[in-house]
Amino acid sequence: MREPEISEDVAKIRRALDLARTERARLGRLGRWSEADQAVLATLNDVLAGASRSIIGPDLGGLVYVAGSPRPGDVRPRGNWGPVPYHRLHATCAMLLVTRGRDPQTVTELAQRALEDFDWRDLGSFWYAVLSLVYADELEEAQGLLDRAMARSGWSGTHPHSSALTVLRARVAALGGEPRVAWELLDGALRQGVVRQFTEVAIAWGSAALLDLGELERADGFLLKHGFGESLDGVFDRAEVLAARGAVREATGRSQLAYEDFTSCGRELAAWGVTNPAVIPWRSSAALCAAATDRRSLALSLVDEELFHAQQWGTAHGVGAALRAVALVSEEGRDIKLFEEAIGYLARSHARGALLRAQYELGVRLSLRARYQDAHAALTAARATAESMNSDVWVRQIDEAIRRWGESGTDGKLTAQELKVLNFARAGLANKAIAARLSLGTGTVEFHLSNVYRKLGITGRSELPALMMPVW
């Protein structure tokens, strides 16, 4: 669609916004992110406080990192977008605080303020505010805003608004432990057609929902179907897509490729000055990939940095998720206490999916050390969480784990060498490659794997991804 001619006033404002983007990038390259944020907010304040009401959402793209951000230069029918109100300043300020990982209480207040005094027609303010609340671990507050939007007349009348509402509802459902609901919402929206601005995040979050449902091959095929298998040239929401693809690759035993995706995701976020793991916990994910291939020092460095930033942010979900990652790459003697601490934090958040994983992983870790009574208690707690989420996949997996280790007897504990072989096998390495890494004969690797399968009560490599983690 050809964009209509614009007035000199609007052209001047757009030039000011271009300069703000350039200045943000310049200051960011110097690491002067506070100044970069102030430059953005000062320009935005001048623009939104001015007399012109001709500025629309895409004009404000590139000023702050946000998944599903407006794209500078996009042409949209103005009737679908409308002028941007002054409240966008509050929503943008909330998102800037999120990216820097500071003061979630102020983030919540700004998000609420962004929506309190106008008729919610500005899609950008709504999108920024809801995501800010999600990152601040305020899922109930975010869900309340979504419910109010659904009840407002006219909100489903335009394609951008209905697309945004569906994608946000799915994201909140997934983080709240309802991946089935999330997948059904996103699958339906993508089949009907999502506006371009939200398509890439819908695909990324849809893949994550399939992983949470235990449908690993389907998640992989879903990304391939949408062209996210190899090059991501031209992808706007690269960080979200890289994180989703990395998660699929890690879950399907391609740890090195997954590591490359997660670190590429980190570089994308660093270019925006995003340090907050609540946005994307790429360091934790990269650390698990490094640990799976025996790069322990690198893994510990990544999770320690993740925990530092999570504690700076301070939400129960963020700290709990980071502690879980530290526990996963820690050795015996430290890990169990960290798992228990992580579970305590996650139980105080609304992130049931993250809580379930930590409970299950604690049960697995205890079982591999032949602490069957403690393991049974952890797995039983995980089962209760899975039931509260109506997750049949997880209930079946936990029941199988309880049965497996209940029948293991006293010889179920894996040796240190067996654990190393197990981690390399789960990371996708062939027996010959494992032998080379550990300076062993191929026959010795096969012997260790045979013992691993017997002790875990599984039949072969195809069942290893169900462990969901590296183990020590």
Protein backbone atom coordinates (compact mmCIF):
# COMPACT_ATOMS: atom_id res chain seq x y z
CA MET A 1 0.00 0.00 0.00
CA ARG A 2 1.39 3.38 -0.97
CA GLU A 3 1.81 5.77 1.96
CA PRO A 4 -0.04 9.06 1.60
CA GLU A 5 1.89 12.31 1.34
CA ILE A 6 2.93 13.72 4.69
CA SER A 7 3.16 17.27 5.97
CA GLU A 8 6.44 19.02 6.73
CA ASP A 9 5.49 18.83 10.43
CA VAL A 10 5.25 15.04 10.32
CA ALA A 11 8.43 14.77 8.25
CA LYS A 12 10.27 16.85 10.87
CA ILE A 13 9.04 14.58 13.66
CA ARG A 14 10.12 11.47 11.78
CA ARG A 15 13.56 12.96 11.23
CA ALA A 16 13.78 13.57 14.99
CA LEU A 17 12.87 9.94 15.63
CA ASP A 18 15.50 8.77 13.16
CA LEU A 19 18.09 10.87 14.97
CA ALA A 20 16.98 9.38 18.30
CA ARG A 21 17.48 5.86 16.92
CA THR A 22 20.93 6.80 15.64
CA GLU A 23 21.91 8.38 18.95
CA ARG A 24 20.60 5.38 20.91
CA ALA A 25 22.75 3.08 18.80
CA ARG A 26 25.84 5.30 19.14
CA LEU A 27 25.57 5.57 22.92
CA GLY A 28 24.82 1.86 23.16
CA ARG A 29 28.01 0.95 21.33
CA LEU A 30 29.85 2.95 23.99
CA GLY A 31 27.98 1.16 26.78
CA ARG A 32 26.30 4.39 27.87
CA TRP A 33 22.83 2.90 28.11
CA SER A 34 21.42 5.31 30.69
CA GLU A 35 22.19 8.20 28.33
CA ALA A 36 20.76 6.22 25.42
CA ASP A 37 17.52 5.70 27.33
CA GLN A 38 17.29 9.38 28.22
CA ALA A 39 17.82 10.36 24.58
CA VAL A 40 14.96 8.10 23.53
CA LEU A 41 12.60 9.31 26.26
CA ALA A 42 13.37 12.99 25.66
CA THR A 43 12.59 12.68 21.95
CA LEU A 44 9.50 10.61 22.59
CA ASN A 45 8.25 13.14 25.12
CA ASP A 46 8.68 15.98 22.62
CA VAL A 47 6.95 14.02 19.87
CA LEU A 48 3.98 12.85 21.91
CA ALA A 49 3.49 16.18 23.65
CA GLY A 50 3.39 18.03 20.32
CA ALA A 51 0.34 19.16 18.46
CA SER A 52 0.64 16.64 15.60
CA ARG A 53 -1.47 13.49 15.91
CA SER A 54 -0.20 12.01 12.66
CA ILE A 55 2.48 9.77 14.20
CA ILE A 56 1.48 6.09 14.22
CA GLY A 57 2.94 2.98 15.85
CA PRO A 58 5.47 1.95 13.17
CA ASP A 59 7.04 5.41 13.37
CA LEU A 60 8.20 4.55 16.91
CA GLY A 61 9.90 1.26 16.06
CA GLY A 62 13.56 0.79 16.93
CA LEU A 63 13.52 2.99 20.01
CA VAL A 64 13.40 0.21 22.62
CA TYR A 65 13.73 -3.56 22.55
CA VAL A 66 10.43 -5.37 22.74
CA ALA A 67 9.41 -8.69 21.25
CA GLY A 68 6.90 -8.00 18.49
CA SER A 69 8.06 -4.40 18.22
CA PRO A 70 6.75 -2.06 15.53
CA ARG A 71 9.07 -1.89 12.55
CA PRO A 72 10.29 1.48 11.35
CA GLY A 73 8.99 2.23 7.89
CA ASP A 74 6.08 -0.19 7.98
CA VAL A 75 3.07 1.21 6.17
CA ARG A 76 -0.25 0.42 7.78
CA PRO A 77 -3.78 1.65 7.12
CA ARG A 78 -4.13 4.49 9.57
CA GLY A 79 -7.64 3.49 10.49
CA ASN A 80 -6.22 0.30 12.00
CA TRP A 81 -3.63 2.03 14.13
CA GLY A 82 -4.70 5.53 15.05
CA PRO A 83 -2.48 8.26 16.50
CA VAL A 84 -0.15 7.40 19.36
CA PRO A 85 -1.24 8.95 22.68
CA TYR A 86 1.04 10.46 25.29
CA HIS A 87 0.57 7.32 27.42
CA ARG A 88 2.98 5.48 25.13
CA LEU A 89 5.74 7.35 26.98
CA HIS A 90 4.84 5.53 30.23
CA ALA A 91 4.69 2.17 28.45
CA THR A 92 8.06 2.78 26.78
CA CYS A 93 9.65 3.83 30.04
CA ALA A 94 8.36 0.59 31.63
CA MET A 95 9.92 -1.44 28.84
CA LEU A 96 13.25 0.37 29.13
CA LEU A 97 13.36 -0.45 32.85
CA VAL A 98 12.60 -4.07 31.99
CA THR A 99 15.47 -4.32 29.51
CA ARG A 100 17.92 -2.90 32.05
CA GLY A 101 16.57 -5.23 34.75
CA ARG A 102 15.74 -2.58 37.32
CA ASP A 103 12.80 -1.90 39.67
CA PRO A 104 9.94 -4.25 38.71
CA GLN A 105 7.58 -2.41 41.07
CA THR A 106 8.01 0.82 39.11
CA VAL A 107 7.60 -1.16 35.89
CA THR A 108 4.24 -2.42 37.15
CA GLU A 109 3.13 1.07 38.14
CA LEU A 110 4.12 2.54 34.77
CA ALA A 111 2.36 -0.25 32.88
CA GLN A 112 -0.83 0.37 34.84
CA ARG A 113 -0.52 4.12 34.32
CA ALA A 114 -0.10 3.65 30.57
CA LEU A 115 -3.58 2.15 30.35
CA GLU A 116 -5.55 3.93 33.03
CA ASP A 117 -6.68 7.15 31.34
CA PHE A 118 -7.43 6.42 27.69
CA ASP A 119 -9.69 4.12 25.72
CA TRP A 120 -7.00 1.48 25.01
CA ARG A 121 -7.14 2.02 21.26
CA ASP A 122 -3.37 2.42 21.04
CA LEU A 123 -2.17 -1.08 20.39
CA GLY A 124 1.47 -0.31 21.16
CA SER A 125 0.77 0.98 24.67
CA PHE A 126 -1.29 -2.14 25.37
CA TRP A 127 1.34 -4.54 23.98
CA TYR A 128 4.20 -2.86 25.89
CA ALA A 129 2.20 -2.72 29.12
CA VAL A 130 1.09 -6.35 29.09
CA LEU A 131 4.57 -7.64 28.26
CA SER A 132 6.08 -5.43 30.97
CA LEU A 133 3.75 -7.02 33.50
CA VAL A 134 4.66 -10.49 32.22
CA TYR A 135 8.37 -9.78 32.67
CA ALA A 136 7.66 -8.37 36.14
CA ASP A 137 6.09 -11.73 37.10
CA GLU A 138 2.66 -10.12 37.37
CA LEU A 139 0.80 -12.73 35.32
CA GLU A 140 -2.52 -12.25 37.12
CA GLU A 141 -2.41 -8.50 36.46
CA ALA A 142 -1.53 -9.16 32.81
CA GLN A 143 -4.37 -11.66 32.49
CA GLY A 144 -6.76 -9.11 33.99
CA LEU A 145 -5.82 -6.60 31.28
CA LEU A 146 -6.32 -9.23 28.58
CA ASP A 147 -9.75 -10.12 29.98
CA ARG A 148 -10.76 -6.45 30.02
CA ALA A 149 -9.58 -6.00 26.43
CA MET A 150 -11.58 -9.04 25.30
CA ALA A 151 -14.68 -7.58 26.93
CA ARG A 152 -14.29 -4.16 25.29
CA SER A 153 -16.37 -3.57 22.24
CA GLY A 154 -14.34 -3.07 19.10
CA TRP A 155 -11.14 -4.75 20.27
CA SER A 156 -11.61 -7.77 18.03
CA GLY A 157 -12.80 -5.62 15.15
CA THR A 158 -9.38 -4.91 13.64
CA HIS A 159 -6.82 -7.45 12.56
CA PRO A 160 -3.82 -5.93 14.41
CA HIS A 161 -5.76 -5.74 17.68
CA SER A 162 -7.17 -9.26 17.48
CA SER A 163 -3.74 -10.65 16.51
CA ALA A 164 -2.01 -8.92 19.42
CA LEU A 165 -4.65 -10.02 21.89
CA THR A 166 -4.43 -13.67 20.85
CA VAL A 167 -0.63 -13.79 20.89
CA LEU A 168 -0.45 -12.13 24.31
CA ARG A 169 -3.11 -14.46 25.72
CA ALA A 170 -1.04 -17.40 24.50
CA ARG A 171 2.15 -16.05 26.06
CA VAL A 172 0.54 -15.55 29.45
CA ALA A 173 -1.03 -19.03 29.27
CA ALA A 174 2.32 -20.66 28.45
CA LEU A 175 4.21 -18.92 31.26
CA GLY A 176 1.40 -19.76 33.65
CA GLY A 177 1.77 -23.46 32.92
CA GLU A 178 -0.87 -23.98 30.23
CA PRO A 179 1.09 -24.84 27.08
CA ARG A 180 -1.88 -26.64 25.50
CA VAL A 181 -3.98 -23.48 25.67
CA ALA A 182 -1.04 -21.45 24.34
CA TRP A 183 -0.48 -23.77 21.39
CA GLU A 184 -4.14 -23.89 20.41
CA LEU A 185 -4.38 -20.09 20.47
CA LEU A 186 -1.20 -19.59 18.42
CA ASP A 187 -1.90 -22.40 15.96
CA GLY A 188 -5.38 -21.04 15.29
CA ALA A 189 -4.12 -17.48 14.89
CA LEU A 190 -1.33 -18.46 12.49
CA ARG A 191 -3.71 -20.51 10.37
CA GLN A 192 -6.06 -17.54 10.09
CA GLY A 193 -3.21 -15.09 9.55
CA VAL A 194 -1.38 -12.91 12.07
CA VAL A 195 -0.25 -9.40 11.16
CA ARG A 196 3.40 -9.32 10.14
CA GLN A 197 4.53 -7.47 13.26
CA PHE A 198 3.51 -10.39 15.50
CA THR A 199 4.07 -13.38 13.20
CA GLU A 200 7.65 -14.18 14.18
CA VAL A 201 7.02 -14.07 17.92
CA ALA A 202 3.87 -16.17 17.43
CA ILE A 203 5.97 -18.83 15.69
CA ALA A 204 8.74 -18.68 18.31
CA TRP A 205 6.31 -18.90 21.21
CA GLY A 206 4.31 -21.61 19.45
CA SER A 207 7.45 -23.73 19.17
CA ALA A 208 8.12 -23.22 22.88
CA ALA A 209 4.58 -24.35 23.71
CA LEU A 210 5.07 -27.55 21.68
CA LEU A 211 8.30 -28.25 23.58
CA ASP A 212 6.48 -27.81 26.88
CA LEU A 213 3.93 -30.33 25.64
CA GLY A 214 6.74 -32.81 25.02
CA GLU A 215 6.25 -32.74 21.23
CA LEU A 216 9.90 -32.32 20.28
CA GLU A 217 9.79 -33.47 16.66
CA ARG A 218 6.67 -31.43 16.01
CA ALA A 219 8.32 -28.31 17.44
CA ASP A 220 11.32 -28.85 15.18
CA GLY A 221 9.11 -29.36 12.13
CA PHE A 222 7.05 -26.30 13.02
CA LEU A 223 10.13 -24.06 12.88
CA LEU A 224 11.30 -25.67 9.63
CA LYS A 225 7.86 -25.19 8.10
CA HIS A 226 8.11 -21.46 8.74
CA GLY A 227 11.61 -21.16 7.31
CA PHE A 228 13.57 -20.95 10.56
CA GLY A 229 15.79 -23.97 10.01
CA GLU A 230 19.01 -22.37 8.82
CA SER A 231 19.63 -18.74 7.89
CA LEU A 232 17.61 -16.12 9.74
CA ASP A 233 18.44 -13.32 7.32
CA GLY A 234 15.56 -10.88 7.20
CA VAL A 235 14.06 -12.04 10.51
CA PHE A 236 13.18 -9.00 12.60
CA ASP A 237 12.56 -10.70 15.98
CA ARG A 238 15.81 -12.65 15.74
CA ALA A 239 16.39 -12.96 19.48
CA GLU A 240 13.03 -14.67 20.09
CA VAL A 241 13.45 -16.98 17.10
CA LEU A 242 17.02 -17.89 18.07
CA ALA A 243 15.93 -18.71 21.61
CA ALA A 244 13.10 -20.91 20.34
CA ARG A 245 15.28 -22.71 17.82
CA GLY A 246 18.03 -23.19 20.40
CA ALA A 247 15.55 -24.76 22.81
CA VAL A 248 14.38 -27.22 20.15
CA ARG A 249 17.94 -28.12 19.19
CA GLU A 250 18.95 -28.63 22.82
CA ALA A 251 15.92 -30.81 23.52
CA THR A 252 16.64 -32.98 20.47
CA GLY A 253 20.30 -33.60 21.31
CA ARG A 254 22.03 -30.96 19.15
CA SER A 255 23.77 -29.19 22.00
CA GLN A 256 26.50 -27.41 20.02
CA LEU A 257 24.05 -25.95 17.51
CA ALA A 258 21.80 -24.97 20.39
CA TYR A 259 24.70 -23.27 22.15
CA GLU A 260 25.42 -21.24 19.03
CA ASP A 261 21.78 -20.15 18.82
CA PHE A 262 21.64 -19.09 22.46
CA THR A 263 24.87 -17.10 22.29
CA SER A 264 23.70 -15.47 19.05
CA CYS A 265 20.50 -14.56 20.89
CA GLY A 266 22.63 -13.00 23.62
CA ARG A 267 24.48 -10.87 21.08
CA GLU A 268 21.19 -9.66 19.61
CA LEU A 269 19.99 -8.60 23.06
CA ALA A 270 23.32 -7.02 23.95
CA ALA A 271 22.99 -4.73 20.94
CA TRP A 272 19.90 -3.32 22.67
CA GLY A 273 21.49 -3.26 26.12
CA VAL A 274 19.14 -5.99 27.40
CA THR A 275 20.61 -7.61 30.52
CA ASN A 276 17.44 -8.87 32.19
CA PRO A 277 17.04 -12.68 31.98
CA ALA A 278 13.29 -12.21 32.39
CA VAL A 279 13.25 -11.13 28.73
CA ILE A 280 15.07 -14.25 27.49
CA PRO A 281 17.17 -16.45 29.84
CA TRP A 282 19.75 -17.16 27.14
CA ARG A 283 22.71 -17.52 29.51
CA SER A 284 21.07 -20.35 31.45
CA SER A 285 20.14 -22.14 28.26
CA ALA A 286 23.64 -21.75 26.80
CA ALA A 287 25.12 -22.97 30.08
CA LEU A 288 23.14 -26.23 29.94
CA CYS A 289 24.44 -26.83 26.41
CA ALA A 290 28.01 -26.15 27.53
CA ALA A 291 27.61 -28.45 30.53
CA ALA A 292 26.23 -31.22 28.35
CA THR A 293 29.52 -31.26 26.43
CA ASP A 294 31.67 -31.07 29.58
CA ARG A 295 32.58 -27.35 29.37
CA ARG A 296 31.95 -26.91 33.06
CA SER A 297 33.87 -23.68 33.68
CA LEU A 298 32.02 -21.95 30.86
CA ALA A 299 28.68 -23.25 32.13
CA LEU A 300 29.34 -22.04 35.67
CA SER A 301 30.41 -18.61 34.41
CA LEU A 302 27.20 -18.23 32.41
CA VAL A 303 24.85 -19.28 35.21
CA ASP A 304 26.63 -17.13 37.78
CA GLU A 305 26.15 -14.09 35.51
CA GLU A 306 22.52 -15.06 34.96
CA LEU A 307 21.90 -15.32 38.70
CA PHE A 308 23.50 -11.91 39.28
CA HIS A 309 21.18 -10.22 36.78
CA ALA A 310 18.16 -12.15 38.04
CA GLN A 311 18.84 -11.01 41.61
CA GLN A 312 19.19 -7.43 40.34
CA TRP A 313 15.71 -7.76 38.84
CA GLY A 314 14.46 -9.53 41.94
CA THR A 315 11.28 -11.35 40.86
CA ALA A 316 10.54 -14.79 42.27
CA HIS A 317 10.34 -16.33 38.80
CA GLY A 318 13.61 -14.79 37.62
CA VAL A 319 15.62 -15.73 40.70
CA GLY A 320 14.09 -19.20 40.88
CA ALA A 321 14.79 -19.93 37.22
CA ALA A 322 18.40 -18.75 37.57
CA LEU A 323 18.95 -20.83 40.71
CA ARG A 324 17.58 -23.87 38.87
CA ALA A 325 20.19 -23.33 36.14
CA VAL A 326 22.98 -23.02 38.73
CA ALA A 327 21.78 -26.24 40.34
CA LEU A 328 21.75 -28.07 37.02
CA VAL A 329 25.42 -27.37 36.33
CA SER A 330 26.64 -27.76 39.92
CA GLU A 331 28.29 -30.86 41.28
CA GLU A 332 27.16 -33.12 44.08
CA GLY A 333 27.27 -31.44 47.48
CA ARG A 334 25.87 -28.10 46.29
CA ASP A 335 23.16 -28.89 43.78
CA ILE A 336 20.39 -30.32 45.95
CA LYS A 337 20.22 -27.26 48.21
CA LEU A 338 20.17 -25.01 45.14
CA PHE A 339 17.31 -27.00 43.63
CA GLU A 340 15.34 -26.70 46.86
CA GLU A 341 15.99 -22.96 47.00
CA ALA A 342 14.94 -22.59 43.36
CA ILE A 343 11.72 -24.50 43.99
CA GLY A 344 10.94 -22.23 46.95
CA TYR A 345 11.19 -19.15 44.73
CA LEU A 346 9.27 -20.67 41.82
CA ALA A 347 6.47 -21.79 44.13
CA ARG A 348 5.94 -18.10 45.00
CA SER A 349 5.63 -17.13 41.34
CA HIS A 350 2.92 -17.97 38.81
CA ALA A 351 5.34 -19.91 36.61
CA ARG A 352 4.03 -23.43 37.12
CA GLY A 353 5.90 -24.77 34.11
CA ALA A 354 9.27 -23.68 35.52
CA LEU A 355 8.30 -25.05 38.95
CA LEU A 356 7.38 -28.41 37.46
CA ARG A 357 10.71 -28.74 35.66
CA ALA A 358 12.70 -27.91 38.79
CA GLN A 359 10.74 -30.43 40.87
CA TYR A 360 11.19 -33.13 38.24
CA GLU A 361 14.90 -32.40 37.80
CA LEU A 362 15.45 -32.57 41.56
CA GLY A 363 13.72 -35.96 41.57
CA VAL A 364 15.93 -37.20 38.73
CA ARG A 365 19.09 -35.92 40.39
CA LEU A 366 18.20 -37.65 43.68
CA SER A 367 17.27 -40.87 41.90
CA LEU A 368 20.58 -41.01 40.05
CA ARG A 369 22.25 -40.90 43.45
CA ALA A 370 20.06 -43.72 44.76
CA ARG A 371 18.31 -41.42 47.26
CA TYR A 372 15.00 -43.00 46.34
CA GLN A 373 12.86 -41.83 49.26
CA ASP A 374 13.78 -38.18 48.74
CA ALA A 375 13.45 -38.62 44.98
CA HIS A 376 9.95 -40.06 45.36
CA ALA A 377 8.88 -37.01 47.38
CA ALA A 378 10.24 -34.62 44.75
CA LEU A 379 8.65 -36.53 41.88
CA THR A 380 5.33 -36.73 43.72
CA ALA A 381 5.38 -32.93 44.14
CA ALA A 382 6.15 -32.60 40.42
CA ARG A 383 3.23 -34.87 39.60
CA ALA A 384 0.87 -32.69 41.65
CA THR A 385 2.06 -29.63 39.75
CA ALA A 386 1.59 -31.45 36.44
CA GLU A 387 -1.96 -32.41 37.43
CA SER A 388 -2.74 -28.78 38.30
CA MET A 389 -1.61 -27.90 34.76
CA ASN A 390 -3.68 -30.71 33.20
CA SER A 391 -0.47 -31.94 31.55
CA ASP A 392 -0.99 -35.59 30.65
CA VAL A 393 2.45 -35.74 29.02
CA TRP A 394 4.23 -34.74 32.20
CA VAL A 395 2.02 -36.95 34.41
CA ARG A 396 2.92 -39.98 32.28
CA GLN A 397 6.62 -39.09 32.27
CA ILE A 398 6.71 -38.63 36.05
CA ASP A 399 4.77 -41.85 36.64
CA GLU A 400 7.32 -43.68 34.48
CA ALA A 401 10.19 -42.10 36.44
CA ILE A 402 8.63 -43.14 39.76
CA ARG A 403 8.14 -46.69 38.45
CA ARG A 404 11.64 -46.85 36.95
CA TRP A 405 13.51 -45.82 40.06
CA GLY A 406 11.19 -47.66 42.38
CA GLU A 407 12.32 -50.84 40.66
CA SER A 408 16.01 -49.92 40.35
CA GLY A 409 17.19 -51.30 43.65
CA THR A 410 20.46 -50.29 45.26
CA ASP A 411 22.53 -50.43 42.06
CA GLY A 412 20.76 -47.49 40.42
CA LYS A 413 23.44 -44.91 41.22
CA LEU A 414 25.51 -43.91 38.19
CA THR A 415 29.27 -43.67 38.43
CA ALA A 416 31.10 -40.47 37.52
CA GLN A 417 32.26 -41.97 34.22
CA GLU A 418 28.76 -43.21 33.39
CA LEU A 419 27.40 -39.72 34.00
CA LYS A 420 29.93 -38.22 31.58
CA VAL A 421 29.06 -40.78 28.92
CA LEU A 422 25.35 -40.15 29.52
CA ASN A 423 25.72 -36.39 29.06
CA PHE A 424 27.66 -36.73 25.83
CA ALA A 425 25.14 -39.25 24.48
CA ARG A 426 22.25 -36.98 25.38
CA ALA A 427 24.07 -34.09 23.63
CA GLY A 428 23.97 -36.10 20.42
CA LEU A 429 27.57 -37.38 20.19
CA ALA A 430 28.14 -40.78 18.58
CA ASN A 431 29.95 -43.48 20.56
CA LYS A 432 33.19 -42.93 18.61
CA ALA A 433 33.11 -39.19 19.36
CA ILE A 434 32.42 -39.84 23.05
CA ALA A 435 35.36 -42.22 23.15
CA ALA A 436 37.63 -39.55 21.66
CA ARG A 437 36.43 -36.90 24.12
CA LEU A 438 37.02 -39.15 27.14
CA SER A 439 40.11 -40.98 25.84
CA LEU A 440 38.32 -44.31 26.05
CA GLY A 441 37.86 -47.22 23.70
CA THR A 442 34.57 -47.44 21.80
CA GLY A 443 33.86 -50.74 23.51
CA THR A 444 34.26 -49.10 26.92
CA VAL A 445 31.78 -46.39 25.94
CA GLU A 446 29.31 -49.04 24.80
CA PHE A 447 29.78 -50.85 28.12
CA HIS A 448 29.11 -47.67 30.11
CA LEU A 449 26.03 -46.88 28.01
CA SER A 450 24.69 -50.39 28.54
CA ASN A 451 25.00 -49.87 32.31
CA VAL A 452 23.35 -46.45 32.02
CA TYR A 453 20.37 -47.87 30.12
CA ARG A 454 19.97 -50.68 32.64
CA LYS A 455 20.15 -48.39 35.65
CA LEU A 456 17.76 -45.84 34.12
CA GLY A 457 15.35 -48.53 32.98
CA ILE A 458 15.40 -47.35 29.36
CA THR A 459 16.06 -49.19 26.11
CA GLY A 460 18.41 -46.81 24.27
CA ARG A 461 19.39 -43.33 23.11
CA SER A 462 15.92 -42.41 21.89
CA GLU A 463 14.73 -42.14 25.50
CA LEU A 464 17.60 -39.97 26.76
CA PRO A 465 16.01 -36.57 25.83
CA ALA A 466 13.27 -37.32 28.38
CA LEU A 467 15.81 -36.62 31.13
CA MET A 468 15.49 -32.93 30.04
CA MET A 469 18.89 -31.95 31.45
CA PRO A 470 22.57 -32.75 31.89
CA VAL A 471 23.16 -34.76 35.04
CA TRP A 472 26.21 -35.13 37.29
